[in-house]
Amino acid sequence: MNKNYTNLWITTIIPFGLGYFINMVFRSVNAVLSHPIMEDLSLNHLQIGFITSTFVLAFAIFQIPLGLIVDSWGARKTQVSLFIIAAVASVLFGLSSSETWLSITRALLGIGMAGSFICAVKAITDRVESEKIPYYTGIILAFGGVGALLATTPAKLFQIDFGWRNLCYLLGLMTFLIAVLIFVINKDDKVGNEKESLSGNVKGLISIYKNGFFWRISPLLIFSLGGFIAMQGLWLGPWLHRVVDLTHLQSANYLLVIAVSMIFGFLSGGLFSKIASRLGLSLATIVVIGIGIHILTQFVIILNILTLHYLIWFIFGYFAQVTLVNYSILAQHFGPKISGRALTAANILVFLFAFVVQYLFGVVVHYWPRMTGSDIAEGFKVGLSALVALELIALIWYVVYRPSSPKS
């Protein structure tokens, strides 16, 4: 094996891949931890929805200064600093006994995890040729898929035996050890020569938000990916328990299947491009077909048809990842000079929408049965139906809307 290739894996891919791995653990684990936390602290669905959503809210807001920090400090220093914050926040979350402190520490955790993917891409970009970046980015995403997997049945079994607080302490320790690993092994921090002020960065984001092409592509990305993040990161666990009528451990097993499907979805980015090229289709067409299947699958889930079959949940998780192709479409359109800014602009909206969904879904689940006298499962179905309706509208917009100018 080539010495440089081995060195790349040891110093960059593995340590930063583990960074994205732990990020996905934290993003996903509340789907199995929500019930024991609610029982332990006597919380309702409205409260747990808000607590969990503070993670993605802080994560989204911190994207604004993140690019400047990474450019100024480099990937290594940024990741290590943020992971130390995350490690402390995870321990404090485990020590918390009120909605207020759970929300504050969860938000701090969101800040601590906000740079995991950007830092990984930055570290890879500094080490490899541009044509190889998508390949290694896919590997980083696969690390994240394994993290989402760990946050299902393995996390549930640990929680059953040792409690949710000890799981938080363990995850905090893992985060700290990964920070130490990155600090010790990676020595390749590269800082850009060009500096930009925070106000300049904000103006740049505003210019992207005024772009017509951005608003053709981004609504589907925001609603489908943001909605999936919100559901997979919290509400799918309670859904499987309340609507499909599974035990909490059985629910964790189904979440594991979704995590496996995510890994395959992450690794299929290149496959989608090859299929499009082989069939003479655009990447946008592949997105329409894939998200169309994802939406149809959610209708099946809402109607609670065949939801005891693992295949339904595999299809649901796999085709949700098709919308990631939109990041490539945005990057190709805006070009290398401002593509990073365009992706950041989209990412902020994706995670802000995930915050809104995680919180409002809890509002619907909490109040709908009280308003209508129906079973709580109906509240879950109403919440998901509203999300799917938005995705369907965004898909139609994606197909029919064309900016007035191809450069606008």
Protein backbone atom coordinates (compact mmCIF):
# COMPACT_ATOMS: atom_id res chain seq x y z
CA MET A 1 0.00 0.00 0.00
CA ASN A 2 1.27 3.47 -0.89
CA LYS A 3 2.90 5.18 2.10
CA ASN A 4 1.11 8.50 1.48
CA TYR A 5 -2.22 6.70 1.17
CA THR A 6 -1.66 4.92 4.49
CA ASN A 7 -0.60 8.17 6.14
CA LEU A 8 -3.75 9.88 4.85
CA TRP A 9 -5.95 7.25 6.47
CA ILE A 10 -4.09 7.27 9.77
CA THR A 11 -3.75 11.03 10.18
CA THR A 12 -6.93 12.32 8.52
CA ILE A 13 -9.63 9.87 7.40
CA ILE A 14 -9.84 7.75 10.55
CA PRO A 15 -9.61 10.51 13.21
CA PHE A 16 -11.95 12.94 11.42
CA GLY A 17 -14.20 10.05 10.39
CA LEU A 18 -14.53 9.17 14.08
CA GLY A 19 -15.40 12.82 14.66
CA TYR A 20 -18.36 12.58 12.28
CA PHE A 21 -19.18 9.17 13.76
CA ILE A 22 -19.69 10.64 17.26
CA ASN A 23 -21.64 13.57 15.78
CA MET A 24 -24.17 11.15 14.28
CA VAL A 25 -24.40 9.26 17.57
CA PHE A 26 -25.43 12.45 19.34
CA ARG A 27 -27.82 13.47 16.54
CA SER A 28 -29.56 10.10 16.54
CA VAL A 29 -29.47 8.78 20.10
CA ASN A 30 -32.47 10.74 21.41
CA ALA A 31 -34.77 8.49 19.41
CA VAL A 32 -33.99 5.76 21.97
CA LEU A 33 -33.29 7.98 24.98
CA SER A 34 -36.44 10.12 24.84
CA HIS A 35 -38.59 7.59 26.71
CA PRO A 36 -36.27 6.94 29.70
CA ILE A 37 -35.57 10.69 30.04
CA MET A 38 -39.29 11.46 29.95
CA GLU A 39 -40.01 8.78 32.56
CA ASP A 40 -37.11 9.76 34.83
CA LEU A 41 -37.88 13.49 34.86
CA SER A 42 -41.67 13.38 34.27
CA LEU A 43 -41.49 15.25 30.96
CA ASN A 44 -44.11 15.27 28.20
CA HIS A 45 -43.69 15.11 24.41
CA LEU A 46 -43.79 18.89 24.10
CA GLN A 47 -40.89 19.30 26.54
CA ILE A 48 -38.72 16.52 25.12
CA GLY A 49 -39.28 17.93 21.63
CA PHE A 50 -37.98 21.33 22.69
CA ILE A 51 -35.02 19.90 24.62
CA THR A 52 -33.88 17.79 21.68
CA SER A 53 -34.46 20.55 19.12
CA THR A 54 -32.06 22.95 20.85
CA PHE A 55 -29.23 20.77 19.51
CA VAL A 56 -30.11 21.39 15.86
CA LEU A 57 -30.95 25.07 16.52
CA ALA A 58 -27.51 25.77 18.02
CA PHE A 59 -25.93 23.56 15.33
CA ALA A 60 -27.58 25.66 12.59
CA ILE A 61 -26.80 29.08 14.04
CA PHE A 62 -23.16 28.18 14.62
CA GLN A 63 -22.74 27.42 10.90
CA ILE A 64 -22.55 31.21 10.29
CA PRO A 65 -19.19 31.83 12.02
CA LEU A 66 -17.95 28.26 11.56
CA GLY A 67 -16.41 28.77 8.13
CA LEU A 68 -14.42 31.76 9.37
CA ILE A 69 -13.21 29.83 12.41
CA VAL A 70 -12.09 26.85 10.33
CA ASP A 71 -10.25 29.11 7.88
CA SER A 72 -8.56 30.98 10.74
CA TRP A 73 -7.70 28.05 13.02
CA GLY A 74 -7.59 25.10 10.64
CA ALA A 75 -9.55 21.86 10.86
CA ARG A 76 -7.51 20.29 13.68
CA LYS A 77 -7.67 23.13 16.19
CA THR A 78 -11.32 23.86 15.41
CA GLN A 79 -12.41 20.25 15.81
CA VAL A 80 -10.46 19.70 19.01
CA SER A 81 -11.77 22.90 20.62
CA LEU A 82 -15.39 22.18 19.71
CA PHE A 83 -15.16 18.55 20.82
CA ILE A 84 -13.91 19.59 24.26
CA ILE A 85 -17.04 21.77 24.55
CA ALA A 86 -19.15 18.80 23.40
CA ALA A 87 -17.53 16.38 25.86
CA VAL A 88 -18.23 18.71 28.79
CA ALA A 89 -21.78 19.35 27.52
CA SER A 90 -22.53 15.61 27.30
CA VAL A 91 -21.46 15.08 30.93
CA LEU A 92 -23.47 18.10 32.06
CA PHE A 93 -26.50 16.81 30.13
CA GLY A 94 -26.21 13.54 32.06
CA LEU A 95 -26.09 15.49 35.33
CA SER A 96 -29.11 17.68 34.48
CA SER A 97 -32.45 17.24 36.23
CA SER A 98 -34.58 20.03 34.75
CA GLU A 99 -35.92 21.01 31.34
CA THR A 100 -33.90 24.24 31.46
CA TRP A 101 -30.52 22.59 32.06
CA LEU A 102 -31.24 19.77 29.65
CA SER A 103 -31.99 22.38 26.96
CA ILE A 104 -28.90 24.50 27.70
CA THR A 105 -26.50 21.56 27.72
CA ARG A 106 -28.11 20.06 24.63
CA ALA A 107 -27.59 23.39 22.82
CA LEU A 108 -23.93 23.43 23.91
CA LEU A 109 -23.65 19.92 22.51
CA GLY A 110 -25.02 21.20 19.20
CA ILE A 111 -22.29 23.86 19.08
CA GLY A 112 -19.67 21.27 19.95
CA MET A 113 -20.78 19.01 17.11
CA ALA A 114 -21.41 21.77 14.55
CA GLY A 115 -18.02 21.51 12.86
CA SER A 116 -17.56 17.75 12.59
CA PHE A 117 -18.38 17.40 8.89
CA ILE A 118 -16.98 20.77 7.76
CA CYS A 119 -13.70 20.09 9.59
CA ALA A 120 -13.47 16.64 8.03
CA VAL A 121 -13.99 18.04 4.53
CA LYS A 122 -11.48 20.83 5.21
CA ALA A 123 -8.87 18.31 6.42
CA ILE A 124 -9.44 16.14 3.35
CA THR A 125 -9.33 19.12 0.97
CA ASP A 126 -5.95 20.10 2.40
CA ARG A 127 -4.50 16.65 1.71
CA VAL A 128 -5.92 15.21 -1.53
CA GLU A 129 -6.51 16.15 -5.16
CA SER A 130 -9.86 17.79 -5.91
CA GLU A 131 -11.16 14.86 -7.98
CA LYS A 132 -10.72 12.50 -5.00
CA ILE A 133 -12.58 14.69 -2.49
CA PRO A 134 -16.07 13.20 -3.22
CA TYR A 135 -14.74 9.66 -2.64
CA TYR A 136 -13.26 10.47 0.75
CA THR A 137 -16.27 12.60 1.69
CA GLY A 138 -18.45 9.54 1.08
CA ILE A 139 -16.24 7.56 3.46
CA ILE A 140 -16.68 10.24 6.15
CA LEU A 141 -20.46 10.02 5.65
CA ALA A 142 -20.23 6.24 6.03
CA PHE A 143 -18.49 6.74 9.40
CA GLY A 144 -21.53 8.84 10.33
CA GLY A 145 -23.86 6.05 9.27
CA VAL A 146 -22.07 3.68 11.65
CA GLY A 147 -22.56 6.30 14.38
CA ALA A 148 -26.28 6.39 13.66
CA LEU A 149 -26.26 2.59 13.88
CA LEU A 150 -24.54 2.63 17.28
CA ALA A 151 -27.23 5.02 18.52
CA THR A 152 -29.94 2.38 18.04
CA THR A 153 -29.99 -1.13 19.59
CA PRO A 154 -26.46 -0.94 21.10
CA ALA A 155 -27.29 2.37 22.82
CA LYS A 156 -30.64 1.04 23.99
CA LEU A 157 -29.09 -2.10 25.49
CA PHE A 158 -26.50 0.01 27.31
CA GLN A 159 -29.22 2.34 28.59
CA ILE A 160 -31.31 -0.58 29.86
CA ASP A 161 -28.36 -2.01 31.80
CA PHE A 162 -26.64 1.18 33.00
CA GLY A 163 -29.12 4.07 32.59
CA TRP A 164 -29.31 7.06 30.26
CA ARG A 165 -27.08 9.25 32.44
CA ASN A 166 -24.17 6.79 32.30
CA LEU A 167 -24.61 6.62 28.52
CA CYS A 168 -24.18 10.41 28.38
CA TYR A 169 -21.01 10.16 30.47
CA LEU A 170 -19.66 7.44 28.17
CA LEU A 171 -20.37 9.48 25.05
CA GLY A 172 -18.69 12.49 26.65
CA LEU A 173 -15.58 10.38 27.32
CA MET A 174 -15.59 9.04 23.76
CA THR A 175 -15.81 12.60 22.40
CA PHE A 176 -12.87 13.72 24.53
CA LEU A 177 -10.76 10.74 23.44
CA ILE A 178 -11.51 11.48 19.77
CA ALA A 179 -10.45 15.10 20.36
CA VAL A 180 -7.17 13.86 21.86
CA LEU A 181 -6.68 11.48 18.92
CA ILE A 182 -7.14 14.29 16.39
CA PHE A 183 -4.84 16.60 18.35
CA VAL A 184 -2.05 14.01 18.60
CA ILE A 185 -2.25 12.35 15.19
CA ASN A 186 -3.23 15.15 12.79
CA LYS A 187 -0.55 17.81 12.30
CA ASP A 188 -1.68 19.21 8.96
CA ASP A 189 -3.64 22.34 9.89
CA LYS A 190 -3.61 24.72 6.95
CA VAL A 191 -4.96 28.22 7.33
CA GLY A 192 -6.23 30.19 4.36
CA ASN A 193 -4.43 33.38 3.37
CA GLU A 194 -7.63 35.28 2.63
CA LYS A 195 -9.49 36.56 5.66
CA GLU A 196 -13.08 37.71 5.67
CA SER A 197 -15.02 39.50 8.39
CA LEU A 198 -18.14 38.04 9.96
CA SER A 199 -20.20 40.85 8.42
CA GLY A 200 -18.70 40.04 5.02
CA ASN A 201 -19.60 36.40 5.48
CA VAL A 202 -23.19 37.32 6.40
CA LYS A 203 -23.44 39.57 3.31
CA GLY A 204 -22.19 36.66 1.23
CA LEU A 205 -24.91 34.40 2.64
CA ILE A 206 -27.54 37.06 1.88
CA SER A 207 -26.35 37.21 -1.73
CA ILE A 208 -26.85 33.44 -2.00
CA TYR A 209 -30.33 33.74 -0.48
CA LYS A 210 -31.23 36.20 -3.27
CA ASN A 211 -30.26 33.71 -5.96
CA GLY A 212 -33.10 32.17 -7.97
CA PHE A 213 -31.35 28.86 -8.67
CA PHE A 214 -30.69 28.42 -4.95
CA TRP A 215 -34.44 28.68 -4.31
CA ARG A 216 -35.22 26.17 -7.00
CA ILE A 217 -32.99 23.54 -5.39
CA SER A 218 -33.00 24.30 -1.67
CA PRO A 219 -36.68 23.85 -0.60
CA LEU A 220 -36.62 20.13 -1.40
CA LEU A 221 -33.26 19.76 0.33
CA ILE A 222 -34.50 21.69 3.37
CA PHE A 223 -37.83 19.89 3.77
CA SER A 224 -36.73 16.35 2.92
CA LEU A 225 -33.32 16.27 4.60
CA GLY A 226 -34.29 18.58 7.49
CA GLY A 227 -37.45 16.57 8.06
CA PHE A 228 -35.55 13.29 8.03
CA ILE A 229 -32.97 14.64 10.49
CA ALA A 230 -35.77 15.72 12.83
CA MET A 231 -37.59 12.39 12.65
CA GLN A 232 -34.57 10.09 12.74
CA GLY A 233 -32.97 12.13 15.51
CA LEU A 234 -35.96 11.93 17.87
CA TRP A 235 -39.47 11.06 16.76
CA LEU A 236 -39.04 7.76 14.91
CA GLY A 237 -38.38 5.92 18.18
CA PRO A 238 -41.63 7.15 19.81
CA TRP A 239 -43.45 6.61 16.47
CA LEU A 240 -42.44 2.95 16.36
CA HIS A 241 -43.60 2.54 19.96
CA ARG A 242 -46.86 4.50 19.78
CA VAL A 243 -48.05 3.91 16.20
CA VAL A 244 -46.51 0.57 15.19
CA ASP A 245 -46.96 -0.73 18.77
CA LEU A 246 -43.43 -2.07 19.29
CA THR A 247 -41.55 -2.33 22.55
CA HIS A 248 -38.76 0.19 23.08
CA LEU A 249 -36.10 -2.44 22.39
CA GLN A 250 -37.91 -3.57 19.23
CA SER A 251 -38.11 0.07 18.15
CA ALA A 252 -34.34 0.34 18.56
CA ASN A 253 -33.92 -2.68 16.27
CA TYR A 254 -35.96 -0.96 13.54
CA LEU A 255 -33.92 2.22 14.01
CA LEU A 256 -30.83 0.07 13.46
CA VAL A 257 -32.21 -1.00 10.07
CA ILE A 258 -32.74 2.66 9.16
CA ALA A 259 -29.14 3.41 10.20
CA VAL A 260 -27.87 0.60 7.97
CA SER A 261 -29.91 1.98 5.07
CA MET A 262 -28.34 5.41 5.70
CA ILE A 263 -24.85 3.92 5.33
CA PHE A 264 -25.81 2.45 1.95
CA GLY A 265 -27.41 5.77 1.01
CA PHE A 266 -24.30 7.74 1.96
CA LEU A 267 -22.12 5.42 -0.13
CA SER A 268 -24.48 5.66 -3.12
CA GLY A 269 -23.70 9.27 -4.05
CA GLY A 270 -21.30 8.16 -6.77
CA LEU A 271 -23.74 5.45 -7.85
CA PHE A 272 -26.51 8.01 -8.38
CA SER A 273 -24.17 10.06 -10.60
CA LYS A 274 -23.20 6.98 -12.63
CA ILE A 275 -26.84 5.95 -13.08
CA ALA A 276 -27.71 9.44 -14.30
CA SER A 277 -24.80 9.43 -16.75
CA ARG A 278 -25.52 5.90 -18.01
CA LEU A 279 -29.22 6.65 -18.61
CA GLY A 280 -28.62 10.12 -19.98
CA LEU A 281 -30.50 11.74 -17.11
CA SER A 282 -29.69 14.81 -15.07
CA LEU A 283 -28.85 14.57 -11.37
CA ALA A 284 -32.03 16.56 -10.71
CA THR A 285 -34.09 13.79 -12.34
CA ILE A 286 -32.49 11.19 -10.07
CA VAL A 287 -33.37 13.38 -7.09
CA VAL A 288 -37.01 13.63 -8.20
CA ILE A 289 -37.32 9.85 -8.59
CA GLY A 290 -35.56 9.08 -5.29
CA ILE A 291 -37.47 11.62 -3.18
CA GLY A 292 -40.69 10.58 -4.89
CA ILE A 293 -40.10 7.03 -3.62
CA HIS A 294 -39.23 8.44 -0.17
CA ILE A 295 -42.52 10.37 -0.04
CA LEU A 296 -44.55 7.35 -1.16
CA THR A 297 -42.89 5.26 1.54
CA GLN A 298 -43.90 7.83 4.16
CA PHE A 299 -47.53 7.60 3.01
CA VAL A 300 -47.31 3.83 3.61
CA ILE A 301 -45.85 4.51 7.07
CA ILE A 302 -48.60 7.01 7.94
CA LEU A 303 -51.25 4.47 6.92
CA ASN A 304 -49.33 1.91 9.06
CA ILE A 305 -49.25 -0.60 6.21
CA LEU A 306 -46.48 -3.23 6.16
CA THR A 307 -44.59 -1.30 8.85
CA LEU A 308 -43.65 -4.51 10.64
CA HIS A 309 -41.49 -5.36 7.63
CA TYR A 310 -37.92 -4.13 7.87
CA LEU A 311 -37.84 -3.51 4.09
CA ILE A 312 -40.23 -0.54 4.41
CA TRP A 313 -37.94 1.17 6.90
CA PHE A 314 -34.83 0.37 4.84
CA ILE A 315 -36.42 2.01 1.78
CA PHE A 316 -37.45 4.98 3.92
CA GLY A 317 -33.90 5.57 5.20
CA TYR A 318 -32.12 4.82 1.94
CA PHE A 319 -34.04 7.13 -0.37
CA ALA A 320 -34.00 9.96 2.17
CA GLN A 321 -30.28 10.29 1.37
CA VAL A 322 -30.91 10.90 -2.34
CA THR A 323 -31.51 14.57 -1.61
CA LEU A 324 -27.83 14.89 -0.60
CA VAL A 325 -27.15 14.97 -4.34
CA ASN A 326 -28.56 18.52 -4.23
CA TYR A 327 -25.40 19.63 -2.44
CA SER A 328 -23.43 18.55 -5.52
CA ILE A 329 -25.89 20.33 -7.81
CA LEU A 330 -25.47 23.56 -5.83
CA ALA A 331 -21.68 23.22 -5.82
CA GLN A 332 -21.59 22.65 -9.58
CA HIS A 333 -23.83 25.64 -10.27
CA PHE A 334 -22.06 28.19 -8.08
CA GLY A 335 -18.51 27.06 -8.85
CA PRO A 336 -15.49 26.72 -6.56
CA LYS A 337 -15.24 30.39 -5.56
CA ILE A 338 -18.60 30.57 -3.75
CA SER A 339 -19.77 26.96 -3.58
CA GLY A 340 -18.75 26.68 0.09
CA ARG A 341 -20.89 29.70 0.91
CA ALA A 342 -23.83 28.22 -1.02
CA LEU A 343 -23.56 24.90 0.82
CA THR A 344 -23.35 26.69 4.16
CA ALA A 345 -26.43 28.75 3.25
CA ALA A 346 -28.34 25.55 2.51
CA ASN A 347 -27.03 23.79 5.62
CA ILE A 348 -28.21 26.58 7.92
CA LEU A 349 -31.75 26.30 6.56
CA VAL A 350 -31.73 22.48 6.71
CA PHE A 351 -30.92 22.46 10.42
CA LEU A 352 -33.19 25.39 11.26
CA PHE A 353 -36.03 23.46 9.66
CA ALA A 354 -35.01 20.33 11.59
CA PHE A 355 -35.27 22.42 14.77
CA VAL A 356 -38.76 23.65 13.83
CA VAL A 357 -39.95 20.12 13.01
CA GLN A 358 -38.54 18.55 16.18
CA TYR A 359 -40.23 21.20 18.32
CA LEU A 360 -43.56 21.56 16.49
CA PHE A 361 -43.94 17.79 16.11
CA GLY A 362 -43.86 17.62 19.91
CA VAL A 363 -46.49 20.39 20.07
CA VAL A 364 -48.80 18.45 17.73
CA VAL A 365 -48.32 15.14 19.55
CA HIS A 366 -48.95 16.84 22.90
CA TYR A 367 -52.03 18.89 22.01
CA TRP A 368 -53.79 17.00 19.20
CA PRO A 369 -55.20 14.19 21.42
CA ARG A 370 -56.35 16.81 23.96
CA MET A 371 -58.09 18.88 21.29
CA THR A 372 -59.76 16.00 19.45
CA GLY A 373 -60.09 13.30 22.10
CA SER A 374 -58.25 10.89 19.79
CA ASP A 375 -55.46 8.45 20.56
CA ILE A 376 -51.91 9.85 20.78
CA ALA A 377 -51.00 7.79 17.69
CA GLU A 378 -53.27 10.10 15.67
CA GLY A 379 -51.19 13.05 16.81
CA PHE A 380 -48.08 11.35 15.45
CA LYS A 381 -49.81 10.72 12.11
CA VAL A 382 -51.00 14.32 11.82
CA GLY A 383 -47.48 15.59 12.49
CA LEU A 384 -45.86 13.36 9.87
CA SER A 385 -48.64 14.08 7.37
CA ALA A 386 -47.93 17.80 7.63
CA LEU A 387 -44.22 17.17 7.03
CA VAL A 388 -44.89 14.94 4.01
CA ALA A 389 -47.24 17.58 2.57
CA LEU A 390 -44.39 20.11 2.70
CA GLU A 391 -42.03 17.64 1.03
CA LEU A 392 -44.57 16.99 -1.74
CA ILE A 393 -45.04 20.73 -2.35
CA ALA A 394 -41.26 21.17 -2.46
CA LEU A 395 -40.92 18.28 -4.93
CA ILE A 396 -43.51 19.85 -7.25
CA TRP A 397 -41.71 23.21 -6.95
CA TYR A 398 -38.41 21.47 -7.76
CA VAL A 399 -39.91 20.12 -10.98
CA VAL A 400 -41.85 23.15 -12.25
CA TYR A 401 -39.93 26.22 -11.03
CA ARG A 402 -37.31 27.75 -13.31
CA PRO A 403 -35.42 30.93 -12.40
CA SER A 404 -35.87 33.79 -14.87
CA SER A 405 -32.15 33.68 -15.67
CA PRO A 406 -29.84 30.65 -15.53
CA LYS A 407 -27.32 32.77 -13.61
CA SER A 408 -29.84 34.27 -11.23
